[in-house]
Amino acid sequence: QVQLVESGGGLVQAGGSLRLSCAVSGSIFSINVMGWYRQAPGKQRELVATITSDGSTNYADSVKGRFTISRDNAKNTVYLRMNSLKPEDTAVYYCSAEELYSLIRHWGQGTQVTVSS
């Protein structure tokens, strides 16, 4: 069984910073793409950022220049550093891990990020 455990969410004022972490454990052979998605109330889940096993990154336009995704392959952990947070960044943030060969995508339980104005 594969588990993704997120941490680091919380309440922050606009302009502040947070760092999310997500550790993957369990029977997972090899992870290719890891990423962060978010879902605000009444909205669909959307991509925030992804990172491949070789370090290639992709960001949503809304977070470029403010958020940084990174990973530690030895620890099967992905991070999301969020700077200059805005109220519109408020959402539940989910991490994901996609297996290299099966392409199965696993999800974390989500962590709430709330940015007050």
N, C-alpha and C. Protein backbone atom coordinates (compact mmCIF):
# COMPACT_ATOMS: atom_id res chain seq x y z
N GLN A 1 0.85 -1.19 0.00
CA GLN A 1 0.00 0.00 0.00
C GLN A 1 0.89 1.24 0.00
N VAL A 2 0.55 2.20 -0.83
CA VAL A 2 1.32 3.42 -0.95
C VAL A 2 0.66 4.52 -0.12
N GLN A 3 1.47 5.23 0.63
CA GLN A 3 0.97 6.35 1.43
C GLN A 3 1.74 7.62 1.11
N LEU A 4 1.01 8.71 0.98
CA LEU A 4 1.61 10.02 0.83
C LEU A 4 1.14 10.86 2.01
N VAL A 5 2.09 11.34 2.79
CA VAL A 5 1.76 12.09 3.99
C VAL A 5 2.27 13.51 3.84
N GLU A 6 1.32 14.45 3.83
CA GLU A 6 1.66 15.86 3.66
C GLU A 6 1.74 16.56 5.01
N SER A 7 2.52 17.61 5.04
CA SER A 7 2.61 18.43 6.24
C SER A 7 3.02 19.84 5.83
N GLY A 8 2.81 20.78 6.75
CA GLY A 8 3.28 22.14 6.53
C GLY A 8 2.21 23.17 6.20
N GLY A 9 0.98 22.73 6.07
CA GLY A 9 -0.08 23.70 5.80
C GLY A 9 -0.40 24.53 7.03
N GLY A 10 -1.26 25.54 6.85
CA GLY A 10 -1.65 26.36 7.98
C GLY A 10 -2.21 27.69 7.54
N LEU A 11 -2.28 28.59 8.50
CA LEU A 11 -2.82 29.93 8.28
C LEU A 11 -1.67 30.93 8.24
N VAL A 12 -1.67 31.77 7.22
CA VAL A 12 -0.61 32.76 7.07
C VAL A 12 -1.21 34.04 6.51
N GLN A 13 -0.60 35.15 6.82
CA GLN A 13 -1.06 36.42 6.27
C GLN A 13 -0.55 36.60 4.84
N ALA A 14 -1.26 37.40 4.10
CA ALA A 14 -0.83 37.70 2.73
C ALA A 14 0.59 38.25 2.74
N GLY A 15 1.38 37.76 1.80
CA GLY A 15 2.77 38.15 1.73
C GLY A 15 3.70 37.20 2.47
N GLY A 16 3.12 36.32 3.25
CA GLY A 16 3.91 35.38 4.03
C GLY A 16 4.34 34.16 3.23
N SER A 17 4.98 33.23 3.93
CA SER A 17 5.53 32.03 3.28
C SER A 17 5.14 30.78 4.05
N LEU A 18 5.08 29.68 3.32
CA LEU A 18 4.88 28.37 3.90
C LEU A 18 5.69 27.37 3.11
N ARG A 19 6.04 26.24 3.75
CA ARG A 19 6.72 25.15 3.05
C ARG A 19 5.95 23.87 3.30
N LEU A 20 5.49 23.28 2.23
CA LEU A 20 4.79 22.01 2.32
C LEU A 20 5.77 20.87 2.05
N SER A 21 5.53 19.75 2.73
CA SER A 21 6.33 18.55 2.51
C SER A 21 5.39 17.38 2.27
N CYS A 22 5.86 16.41 1.50
CA CYS A 22 5.07 15.21 1.24
C CYS A 22 6.02 14.03 1.13
N ALA A 23 5.87 13.08 2.02
CA ALA A 23 6.71 11.90 2.04
C ALA A 23 5.93 10.69 1.53
N VAL A 24 6.54 9.96 0.62
CA VAL A 24 5.91 8.78 0.03
C VAL A 24 6.50 7.52 0.66
N SER A 25 5.64 6.61 1.05
CA SER A 25 6.12 5.36 1.63
C SER A 25 5.26 4.21 1.11
N GLY A 26 5.76 2.99 1.32
CA GLY A 26 4.99 1.83 0.91
C GLY A 26 5.56 1.14 -0.30
N SER A 27 4.73 0.31 -0.92
CA SER A 27 5.16 -0.53 -2.04
C SER A 27 5.10 0.24 -3.35
N ILE A 28 6.07 1.06 -3.55
CA ILE A 28 6.14 1.82 -4.79
C ILE A 28 7.52 1.60 -5.38
N PHE A 29 7.59 1.11 -6.62
CA PHE A 29 8.87 0.70 -7.17
C PHE A 29 9.73 1.88 -7.55
N SER A 30 9.17 2.73 -8.36
CA SER A 30 9.95 3.88 -8.81
C SER A 30 9.00 5.02 -9.14
N ILE A 31 9.33 6.18 -8.65
CA ILE A 31 8.48 7.35 -8.86
C ILE A 31 9.06 8.21 -9.97
N ASN A 32 8.24 8.62 -10.91
CA ASN A 32 8.70 9.54 -11.93
C ASN A 32 8.30 10.97 -11.56
N VAL A 33 7.08 11.31 -11.82
CA VAL A 33 6.64 12.69 -11.59
C VAL A 33 6.02 12.82 -10.21
N MET A 34 6.45 13.83 -9.49
CA MET A 34 5.81 14.20 -8.24
C MET A 34 5.26 15.61 -8.41
N GLY A 35 4.19 15.89 -7.70
CA GLY A 35 3.61 17.20 -7.91
C GLY A 35 2.71 17.66 -6.79
N TRP A 36 2.30 18.91 -6.94
CA TRP A 36 1.34 19.52 -6.03
C TRP A 36 0.16 20.05 -6.83
N TYR A 37 -1.01 19.79 -6.32
CA TYR A 37 -2.25 20.30 -6.88
C TYR A 37 -3.01 21.00 -5.75
N ARG A 38 -4.00 21.80 -6.12
CA ARG A 38 -4.80 22.45 -5.08
C ARG A 38 -6.24 22.54 -5.52
N GLN A 39 -7.10 22.60 -4.53
CA GLN A 39 -8.53 22.72 -4.80
C GLN A 39 -9.14 23.71 -3.82
N ALA A 40 -9.64 24.79 -4.36
CA ALA A 40 -10.33 25.79 -3.57
C ALA A 40 -11.81 25.45 -3.50
N PRO A 41 -12.52 25.96 -2.50
CA PRO A 41 -13.97 25.66 -2.37
C PRO A 41 -14.73 26.04 -3.63
N GLY A 42 -15.51 25.09 -4.13
CA GLY A 42 -16.32 25.36 -5.30
C GLY A 42 -15.59 25.32 -6.62
N LYS A 43 -14.30 24.97 -6.58
CA LYS A 43 -13.51 24.94 -7.80
C LYS A 43 -12.94 23.55 -8.04
N GLN A 44 -12.50 23.32 -9.27
CA GLN A 44 -11.88 22.04 -9.59
C GLN A 44 -10.44 22.01 -9.10
N ARG A 45 -9.95 20.81 -8.92
CA ARG A 45 -8.55 20.65 -8.56
C ARG A 45 -7.68 21.12 -9.72
N GLU A 46 -6.63 21.86 -9.41
CA GLU A 46 -5.77 22.39 -10.45
C GLU A 46 -4.31 22.12 -10.14
N LEU A 47 -3.53 22.06 -11.21
CA LEU A 47 -2.10 21.85 -11.08
C LEU A 47 -1.44 23.08 -10.47
N VAL A 48 -0.52 22.84 -9.55
CA VAL A 48 0.30 23.91 -9.01
C VAL A 48 1.72 23.79 -9.59
N ALA A 49 2.33 22.63 -9.40
CA ALA A 49 3.69 22.42 -9.89
C ALA A 49 3.99 20.94 -9.94
N THR A 50 4.87 20.55 -10.86
CA THR A 50 5.33 19.18 -10.93
C THR A 50 6.84 19.16 -11.09
N ILE A 51 7.43 18.02 -10.73
CA ILE A 51 8.86 17.84 -10.89
C ILE A 51 9.14 16.39 -11.24
N THR A 52 9.98 16.18 -12.25
CA THR A 52 10.31 14.82 -12.65
C THR A 52 11.50 14.31 -11.83
N SER A 53 11.80 13.03 -12.03
CA SER A 53 12.89 12.41 -11.27
C SER A 53 14.25 13.05 -11.60
N ASP A 54 14.37 13.64 -12.79
CA ASP A 54 15.64 14.29 -13.13
C ASP A 54 15.62 15.79 -12.85
N GLY A 55 14.57 16.26 -12.19
CA GLY A 55 14.55 17.65 -11.75
C GLY A 55 13.87 18.65 -12.64
N SER A 56 13.28 18.22 -13.73
CA SER A 56 12.56 19.16 -14.60
C SER A 56 11.27 19.60 -13.92
N THR A 57 11.02 20.88 -13.95
CA THR A 57 9.86 21.44 -13.24
C THR A 57 8.87 22.09 -14.19
N ASN A 58 7.64 22.17 -13.71
CA ASN A 58 6.57 22.83 -14.44
C ASN A 58 5.68 23.52 -13.42
N TYR A 59 5.29 24.77 -13.72
CA TYR A 59 4.48 25.55 -12.78
C TYR A 59 3.25 26.12 -13.46
N ALA A 60 2.20 26.25 -12.68
CA ALA A 60 1.04 27.00 -13.15
C ALA A 60 1.45 28.47 -13.26
N ASP A 61 0.90 29.16 -14.23
CA ASP A 61 1.25 30.57 -14.42
C ASP A 61 0.99 31.40 -13.17
N SER A 62 -0.04 31.04 -12.43
CA SER A 62 -0.43 31.83 -11.26
C SER A 62 0.57 31.77 -10.12
N VAL A 63 1.48 30.80 -10.15
CA VAL A 63 2.44 30.66 -9.05
C VAL A 63 3.89 30.86 -9.49
N LYS A 64 4.12 31.03 -10.77
CA LYS A 64 5.48 31.20 -11.26
C LYS A 64 6.14 32.40 -10.60
N GLY A 65 7.38 32.19 -10.16
CA GLY A 65 8.11 33.26 -9.51
C GLY A 65 7.85 33.36 -8.01
N ARG A 66 6.82 32.66 -7.53
CA ARG A 66 6.50 32.72 -6.10
C ARG A 66 6.68 31.35 -5.41
N PHE A 67 6.38 30.29 -6.14
CA PHE A 67 6.47 28.95 -5.57
C PHE A 67 7.66 28.21 -6.17
N THR A 68 8.26 27.33 -5.37
CA THR A 68 9.37 26.50 -5.85
C THR A 68 9.14 25.07 -5.41
N ILE A 69 9.14 24.16 -6.37
CA ILE A 69 9.00 22.74 -6.06
C ILE A 69 10.38 22.09 -6.09
N SER A 70 10.61 21.17 -5.18
CA SER A 70 11.87 20.43 -5.14
C SER A 70 11.59 19.03 -4.60
N ARG A 71 12.57 18.16 -4.75
CA ARG A 71 12.37 16.79 -4.26
C ARG A 71 13.68 16.20 -3.80
N ASP A 72 13.56 15.23 -2.92
CA ASP A 72 14.68 14.44 -2.44
C ASP A 72 14.38 13.00 -2.85
N ASN A 73 15.02 12.54 -3.91
CA ASN A 73 14.71 11.20 -4.43
C ASN A 73 15.07 10.10 -3.43
N ALA A 74 16.13 10.31 -2.68
CA ALA A 74 16.54 9.30 -1.71
C ALA A 74 15.49 9.11 -0.62
N LYS A 75 14.77 10.19 -0.32
CA LYS A 75 13.75 10.13 0.73
C LYS A 75 12.34 10.03 0.17
N ASN A 76 12.22 9.98 -1.17
CA ASN A 76 10.88 9.96 -1.79
C ASN A 76 10.01 11.07 -1.23
N THR A 77 10.56 12.25 -1.17
CA THR A 77 9.87 13.39 -0.59
C THR A 77 9.87 14.56 -1.56
N VAL A 78 8.73 15.23 -1.64
CA VAL A 78 8.62 16.41 -2.47
C VAL A 78 8.24 17.60 -1.59
N TYR A 79 8.74 18.77 -1.96
CA TYR A 79 8.51 19.97 -1.18
C TYR A 79 7.90 21.05 -2.07
N LEU A 80 7.20 21.97 -1.43
CA LEU A 80 6.70 23.14 -2.14
C LEU A 80 6.94 24.35 -1.26
N ARG A 81 7.85 25.20 -1.69
CA ARG A 81 8.10 26.44 -0.98
C ARG A 81 7.21 27.51 -1.60
N MET A 82 6.39 28.14 -0.78
CA MET A 82 5.43 29.13 -1.25
C MET A 82 5.75 30.48 -0.62
N ASN A 83 6.13 31.42 -1.45
CA ASN A 83 6.44 32.78 -0.99
C ASN A 83 5.41 33.76 -1.54
N SER A 84 5.37 34.94 -0.95
CA SER A 84 4.47 36.00 -1.41
C SER A 84 3.05 35.48 -1.57
N LEU A 85 2.58 34.80 -0.56
CA LEU A 85 1.26 34.17 -0.65
C LEU A 85 0.15 35.21 -0.76
N LYS A 86 -0.87 34.84 -1.51
CA LYS A 86 -2.02 35.71 -1.73
C LYS A 86 -3.28 35.02 -1.23
N PRO A 87 -4.31 35.78 -0.92
CA PRO A 87 -5.57 35.14 -0.48
C PRO A 87 -6.09 34.13 -1.50
N GLU A 88 -5.86 34.37 -2.77
CA GLU A 88 -6.35 33.44 -3.79
C GLU A 88 -5.56 32.13 -3.82
N ASP A 89 -4.49 32.03 -3.05
CA ASP A 89 -3.78 30.76 -2.92
C ASP A 89 -4.44 29.84 -1.89
N THR A 90 -5.44 30.35 -1.20
CA THR A 90 -6.16 29.55 -0.21
C THR A 90 -6.81 28.34 -0.87
N ALA A 91 -6.50 27.16 -0.35
CA ALA A 91 -7.01 25.92 -0.94
C ALA A 91 -6.51 24.74 -0.11
N VAL A 92 -7.05 23.58 -0.42
CA VAL A 92 -6.47 22.34 0.07
C VAL A 92 -5.42 21.91 -0.95
N TYR A 93 -4.21 21.68 -0.48
CA TYR A 93 -3.11 21.30 -1.35
C TYR A 93 -2.88 19.79 -1.24
N TYR A 94 -2.80 19.15 -2.41
CA TYR A 94 -2.60 17.71 -2.48
C TYR A 94 -1.29 17.41 -3.17
N CYS A 95 -0.54 16.47 -2.64
CA CYS A 95 0.64 16.02 -3.37
C CYS A 95 0.29 14.75 -4.13
N SER A 96 1.05 14.52 -5.17
CA SER A 96 0.84 13.33 -6.00
C SER A 96 2.17 12.71 -6.36
N ALA A 97 2.15 11.41 -6.61
CA ALA A 97 3.34 10.69 -7.04
C ALA A 97 2.91 9.70 -8.10
N GLU A 98 3.55 9.78 -9.25
CA GLU A 98 3.20 8.91 -10.38
C GLU A 98 4.28 7.86 -10.56
N GLU A 99 3.86 6.60 -10.61
CA GLU A 99 4.83 5.52 -10.77
C GLU A 99 5.40 5.54 -12.19
N LEU A 100 6.66 5.15 -12.28
CA LEU A 100 7.38 5.27 -13.54
C LEU A 100 6.80 4.38 -14.63
N TYR A 101 6.54 3.13 -14.35
CA TYR A 101 6.15 2.18 -15.39
C TYR A 101 4.64 2.01 -15.49
N SER A 102 3.96 1.91 -14.37
CA SER A 102 2.52 1.70 -14.41
C SER A 102 1.75 2.99 -14.67
N LEU A 103 2.39 4.14 -14.42
CA LEU A 103 1.77 5.47 -14.54
C LEU A 103 0.62 5.67 -13.56
N ILE A 104 0.53 4.79 -12.58
CA ILE A 104 -0.48 4.98 -11.54
C ILE A 104 -0.12 6.22 -10.72
N ARG A 105 -1.12 7.06 -10.48
CA ARG A 105 -0.89 8.28 -9.70
C ARG A 105 -1.50 8.10 -8.32
N HIS A 106 -0.71 8.32 -7.32
CA HIS A 106 -1.16 8.23 -5.93
C HIS A 106 -1.32 9.65 -5.37
N TRP A 107 -2.23 9.78 -4.43
CA TRP A 107 -2.55 11.10 -3.86
C TRP A 107 -2.42 11.10 -2.35
N GLY A 108 -2.03 12.26 -1.83
CA GLY A 108 -2.06 12.46 -0.40
C GLY A 108 -3.45 12.85 0.06
N GLN A 109 -3.60 13.03 1.36
CA GLN A 109 -4.91 13.33 1.92
C GLN A 109 -5.25 14.81 1.85
N GLY A 110 -4.25 15.63 1.57
CA GLY A 110 -4.48 17.07 1.45
C GLY A 110 -4.12 17.81 2.72
N THR A 111 -3.66 19.02 2.55
CA THR A 111 -3.34 19.89 3.68
C THR A 111 -3.88 21.29 3.38
N GLN A 112 -4.53 21.88 4.36
CA GLN A 112 -5.19 23.17 4.16
C GLN A 112 -4.18 24.30 4.25
N VAL A 113 -4.24 25.18 3.28
CA VAL A 113 -3.48 26.43 3.30
C VAL A 113 -4.48 27.57 3.23
N THR A 114 -4.42 28.44 4.22
CA THR A 114 -5.32 29.59 4.27
C THR A 114 -4.49 30.86 4.36
N VAL A 115 -4.74 31.77 3.43
CA VAL A 115 -4.02 33.03 3.38
C VAL A 115 -5.00 34.16 3.69
N SER A 116 -4.76 34.86 4.76
CA SER A 116 -5.66 35.94 5.15
C SER A 116 -5.18 37.27 4.56
N SER A 117 -6.13 38.13 4.28
CA SER A 117 -5.79 39.43 3.68
C SER A 117 -5.54 40.49 4.74
